[in-house]
């Protein structure tokens, strides 16, 4: 009831999340929430000569194997730069060549009210799914383990309005229209298709669409899954708007 009413007493329940293998890029987005507290692993405690790198699945989805090879080559070149700088006696914390894809450990301490705002914002199809969803997925699952009802609070993107089992408004009309007609190569939001009552363009990137569906089917609320005809226990089953 506190969450439904969005009242200050919801701030009395707090969560502490330990995030391992968190990319610097993701951390920089997480810390934009001024209502939370954070601790992040300093570069001084990480051996950047052999640092781990998080490569988004989109690298291969868009650029294929050649893009993967370019990415890995650049990452190894940066590691080699740290190794050579160390041999020359340069303090590694002064090199600062580490890319945004470098991973490290982060502690995220937040209350329920702030957490609901951050998670739901990142549940939108227009957000960076490959960057956020591995973290959000684990968080939502942890919340569902506390109480299944929490999974419904943390499962509706704020840009989408639903009433009586139908999508009645969508905040990203122009952006999705660009995607529908090929002006933007990203796949169209299926909730926008449900809002318009139309099917996707036959020329859509369905490989990337299916990849994104694999993320969001784990995160969106049961109400949304019913609208789309998605089955969380059978992700490969085609929904109402998955194909022309």
Protein backbone atom coordinates (compact mmCIF):
# COMPACT_ATOMS: atom_id res chain seq x y z
CA UNK A 1 0.00 0.00 0.00
CA UNK A 2 2.92 2.32 0.70
CA UNK A 3 4.24 1.71 -2.80
CA UNK A 4 0.82 2.19 -4.37
CA UNK A 5 0.39 5.51 -2.59
CA UNK A 6 4.01 6.55 -3.29
CA UNK A 7 4.30 8.01 0.19
CA UNK A 8 7.49 8.81 2.14
CA UNK A 9 7.10 5.80 4.46
CA UNK A 10 8.20 3.63 1.52
CA UNK A 11 11.64 5.15 2.08
CA UNK A 12 11.96 3.27 5.38
CA UNK A 13 12.63 -0.04 3.58
CA UNK A 14 16.15 -0.17 2.14
CA UNK A 15 18.08 -2.62 -0.01
CA UNK A 16 21.82 -3.17 -0.39
CA UNK A 17 22.90 -4.65 -3.72
CA UNK A 18 26.42 -5.95 -4.40
CA UNK A 19 27.07 -5.71 -8.14
CA UNK A 20 29.98 -7.73 -9.48
CA UNK A 21 31.45 -7.28 -12.97
CA UNK A 22 29.75 -3.89 -13.28
CA UNK A 23 31.01 -1.88 -16.22
CA UNK A 24 32.13 1.70 -15.66
CA UNK A 25 29.53 2.76 -18.24
CA UNK A 26 26.72 1.18 -16.21
CA UNK A 27 28.08 2.62 -12.96
CA UNK A 28 28.03 6.14 -14.41
CA UNK A 29 24.33 5.72 -15.18
CA UNK A 30 23.48 4.15 -11.82
CA UNK A 31 25.03 6.96 -9.80
CA UNK A 32 22.85 9.56 -11.50
CA UNK A 33 20.19 8.67 -8.96
CA UNK A 34 20.84 11.23 -6.22
CA UNK A 35 18.54 9.38 -3.82
CA UNK A 36 20.91 6.45 -3.28
CA UNK A 37 24.36 5.80 -1.81
CA UNK A 38 27.23 4.00 -3.51
CA UNK A 39 30.63 2.46 -2.99
CA UNK A 40 32.75 1.62 -6.01
CA UNK A 41 36.00 -0.29 -6.29
CA UNK A 42 38.88 2.05 -7.00
CA UNK A 43 41.21 1.49 -9.95
CA UNK A 44 44.09 1.20 -7.48
CA UNK A 45 42.77 -2.16 -6.28
CA UNK A 46 42.34 -3.60 -9.79
CA UNK A 47 45.11 -4.95 -12.01
CA UNK A 48 44.37 -3.11 -15.22
CA UNK A 49 47.11 -5.01 -17.04
CA UNK A 50 44.69 -7.95 -17.21
CA UNK A 51 41.36 -6.18 -16.70
CA UNK A 52 38.11 -7.84 -17.66
CA UNK A 53 35.98 -6.11 -20.28
CA UNK A 54 32.19 -6.32 -20.71
CA UNK A 55 31.35 -6.48 -24.41
CA UNK A 56 27.72 -5.77 -25.22
CA UNK A 57 25.88 -8.42 -27.24
CA UNK A 58 24.95 -5.62 -29.62
CA UNK A 59 28.54 -5.52 -30.92
CA UNK A 60 28.08 -8.89 -32.62
CA UNK A 61 24.37 -8.36 -33.34
CA UNK A 62 25.11 -5.25 -35.41
CA UNK A 63 28.67 -5.75 -36.63
CA UNK A 64 29.13 -9.50 -36.74
CA UNK A 65 32.34 -11.38 -35.99
CA UNK A 66 34.52 -8.66 -37.52
CA UNK A 67 33.20 -6.14 -34.99
CA UNK A 68 33.91 -8.61 -32.16
CA UNK A 69 37.50 -9.00 -33.35
CA UNK A 70 38.01 -5.23 -33.56
CA UNK A 71 36.59 -4.79 -30.05
CA UNK A 72 38.79 -7.50 -28.56
CA UNK A 73 41.87 -6.18 -30.38
CA UNK A 74 41.37 -2.66 -28.97
CA UNK A 75 40.77 -4.05 -25.46
CA UNK A 76 43.97 -6.09 -25.58
CA UNK A 77 45.89 -3.07 -26.92
CA UNK A 78 44.80 -1.08 -23.84
CA UNK A 79 45.89 -3.91 -21.51
CA UNK A 80 49.25 -4.00 -23.27
CA UNK A 81 49.53 -0.23 -22.78
CA UNK A 82 49.15 -0.71 -19.01
CA UNK A 83 51.75 -3.49 -19.02
CA UNK A 84 54.31 -1.37 -20.86
CA UNK A 85 53.63 1.67 -18.67
CA UNK A 86 54.22 -0.49 -15.58
CA UNK A 87 57.54 -1.69 -17.01
CA UNK A 88 58.54 1.95 -17.54
CA UNK A 89 57.78 2.73 -13.91
CA UNK A 90 54.62 4.78 -14.47
CA UNK A 91 52.09 4.45 -11.58
CA UNK A 92 49.16 2.57 -13.10
CA UNK A 93 46.56 4.81 -11.43
CA UNK A 94 48.03 7.70 -13.45
CA UNK A 95 47.67 5.99 -16.84
CA UNK A 96 43.85 6.26 -17.04
CA UNK A 97 43.44 4.43 -20.34
CA UNK A 98 40.78 2.07 -18.98
CA UNK A 99 37.64 2.01 -21.17
CA UNK A 100 34.05 2.41 -20.01
CA UNK A 101 33.59 -1.33 -20.60
CA UNK A 102 36.05 -2.22 -17.79
CA UNK A 103 34.28 -4.14 -15.02
CA UNK A 104 34.63 -3.73 -11.26
CA UNK A 105 32.60 -4.06 -8.04
CA UNK A 106 29.87 -1.64 -6.91
CA UNK A 107 27.68 -1.46 -3.80
CA UNK A 108 24.29 0.19 -4.37
CA UNK A 109 22.39 1.20 -1.22
CA UNK A 110 18.90 2.56 -1.84
CA UNK A 111 15.38 2.73 -0.43
CA UNK A 112 12.35 1.11 -2.05
CA UNK A 113 10.80 4.33 -3.31
CA UNK A 114 13.96 5.42 -5.13
CA UNK A 115 14.60 1.90 -6.41
CA UNK A 116 11.16 1.66 -8.00
CA UNK A 117 11.78 4.94 -9.84
CA UNK A 118 15.18 3.83 -11.20
CA UNK A 119 14.19 0.27 -12.17
CA UNK A 120 10.93 1.20 -13.89
CA UNK A 121 12.66 3.93 -15.88
CA UNK A 122 15.14 1.37 -17.18
CA UNK A 123 12.42 -1.15 -18.04
CA UNK A 124 11.48 0.89 -21.09
CA UNK A 125 12.26 -0.72 -24.46
CA UNK A 126 14.02 2.52 -25.48
CA UNK A 127 16.58 2.18 -22.68
CA UNK A 128 19.95 0.46 -23.04
CA UNK A 129 18.73 -3.08 -22.58
CA UNK A 130 22.04 -4.87 -22.97
CA UNK A 131 23.67 -2.59 -20.39
CA UNK A 132 21.00 -2.56 -17.69
CA UNK A 133 18.95 -5.74 -17.93
CA UNK A 134 21.46 -8.25 -16.45
CA UNK A 135 21.50 -6.13 -13.26
CA UNK A 136 17.79 -5.28 -13.27
CA UNK A 137 16.88 -8.92 -13.88
CA UNK A 138 18.68 -10.06 -10.75
CA UNK A 139 17.23 -7.19 -8.72
CA UNK A 140 13.65 -7.89 -9.82
CA UNK A 141 14.10 -11.60 -9.09
CA UNK A 142 15.40 -10.79 -5.61
CA UNK A 143 12.41 -8.53 -5.00
CA UNK A 144 10.00 -11.21 -6.24
CA UNK A 145 11.60 -13.62 -3.77
CA UNK A 146 10.77 -11.16 -0.99
CA UNK A 147 7.16 -10.89 -2.17
CA UNK A 148 5.74 -11.82 -5.62
CA UNK A 149 3.69 -8.60 -5.55
CA UNK A 150 6.91 -6.57 -5.75
CA UNK A 151 7.50 -8.02 -9.21
CA UNK A 152 4.42 -6.19 -10.43
CA UNK A 153 5.52 -2.85 -8.96
CA UNK A 154 8.91 -3.18 -10.62
CA UNK A 155 7.61 -4.26 -14.01
CA UNK A 156 5.93 -1.38 -15.84
CA UNK A 157 7.85 1.20 -17.93
CA UNK A 158 6.70 4.74 -17.08
CA UNK A 159 6.40 5.78 -20.73
CA UNK A 160 3.56 3.32 -21.31
CA UNK A 161 0.00 3.72 -20.00
CA UNK A 162 -2.16 0.61 -19.64
CA UNK A 163 -5.87 0.47 -18.86
CA UNK A 164 -8.24 -2.51 -18.85
CA UNK A 165 -5.70 -4.80 -20.49
CA UNK A 166 -4.85 -2.39 -23.33
CA UNK A 167 -2.01 0.03 -24.10
CA UNK A 168 -3.75 3.42 -24.20
CA UNK A 169 -0.73 5.73 -24.49
CA UNK A 170 2.95 5.51 -25.43
CA UNK A 171 5.48 8.29 -24.81
CA UNK A 172 7.85 7.43 -27.69
CA UNK A 173 5.61 7.75 -30.74
CA UNK A 174 8.07 9.48 -33.10
CA UNK A 175 11.01 7.29 -32.16
CA UNK A 176 9.12 4.08 -32.80
CA UNK A 177 7.73 5.39 -36.08
CA UNK A 178 11.32 5.95 -37.22
CA UNK A 179 12.08 2.35 -36.31
CA UNK A 180 8.99 1.03 -38.08
CA UNK A 181 9.93 2.69 -41.37
CA UNK A 182 13.66 1.91 -41.20
CA UNK A 183 14.96 5.39 -40.39
CA UNK A 184 16.32 3.88 -37.16
CA UNK A 185 17.73 0.30 -37.34
CA UNK A 186 16.61 -0.58 -33.79
CA UNK A 187 13.57 -2.88 -33.49
CA UNK A 188 10.19 -1.35 -32.70
CA UNK A 189 8.83 -1.54 -29.15
CA UNK A 190 6.12 -4.27 -29.17
CA UNK A 191 4.13 -2.20 -26.67
CA UNK A 192 4.02 0.61 -29.25
CA UNK A 193 2.81 -1.90 -31.83
CA UNK A 194 0.11 -2.98 -29.37
CA UNK A 195 -0.79 0.69 -28.83
CA UNK A 196 -1.17 1.21 -32.60
CA UNK A 197 -2.66 -2.25 -33.23
CA UNK A 198 -0.18 -3.00 -36.04
CA UNK A 199 2.50 -5.57 -36.90
CA UNK A 200 6.25 -4.91 -37.36
CA UNK A 201 7.83 -4.14 -40.71
CA UNK A 202 8.98 -7.33 -42.55
CA UNK A 203 12.45 -5.74 -42.93
CA UNK A 204 12.90 -5.36 -39.16
CA UNK A 205 15.99 -6.76 -37.43
CA UNK A 206 14.24 -9.74 -35.85
CA UNK A 207 17.50 -11.21 -34.55
CA UNK A 208 17.97 -8.15 -32.35
CA UNK A 209 14.23 -8.04 -31.58
CA UNK A 210 14.32 -11.60 -30.27
CA UNK A 211 17.41 -10.78 -28.23
CA UNK A 212 15.67 -7.82 -26.60
CA UNK A 213 12.50 -9.85 -26.05
CA UNK A 214 14.67 -12.36 -24.18
CA UNK A 215 15.60 -9.55 -21.77
CA UNK A 216 12.21 -7.92 -21.27
CA UNK A 217 10.13 -11.08 -20.97
CA UNK A 218 11.90 -11.68 -17.66
CA UNK A 219 11.28 -8.14 -16.42
CA UNK A 220 7.92 -6.83 -17.56
CA UNK A 221 4.82 -7.41 -15.46
CA UNK A 222 2.34 -10.22 -16.07
CA UNK A 223 -0.14 -7.60 -17.26
CA UNK A 224 2.20 -6.57 -20.08
CA UNK A 225 2.96 -10.17 -21.00
CA UNK A 226 -0.76 -10.88 -21.35
CA UNK A 227 -1.15 -7.92 -23.72
CA UNK A 228 1.75 -9.07 -25.90
CA UNK A 229 0.91 -12.77 -25.77
CA UNK A 230 4.31 -13.58 -24.28
CA UNK A 231 4.91 -16.64 -22.11
CA UNK A 232 7.71 -16.23 -19.55
CA UNK A 233 8.07 -20.03 -19.28
CA UNK A 234 8.35 -20.34 -23.09
CA UNK A 235 10.28 -17.29 -24.41
CA UNK A 236 10.51 -18.70 -27.94
CA UNK A 237 6.74 -18.67 -28.41
CA UNK A 238 5.75 -15.88 -30.80
CA UNK A 239 3.49 -13.19 -29.37
CA UNK A 240 0.81 -11.13 -31.06
CA UNK A 241 3.24 -8.51 -32.39
CA UNK A 242 6.50 -10.45 -32.79
CA UNK A 243 6.27 -10.96 -36.55
CA UNK A 244 4.47 -9.41 -39.56
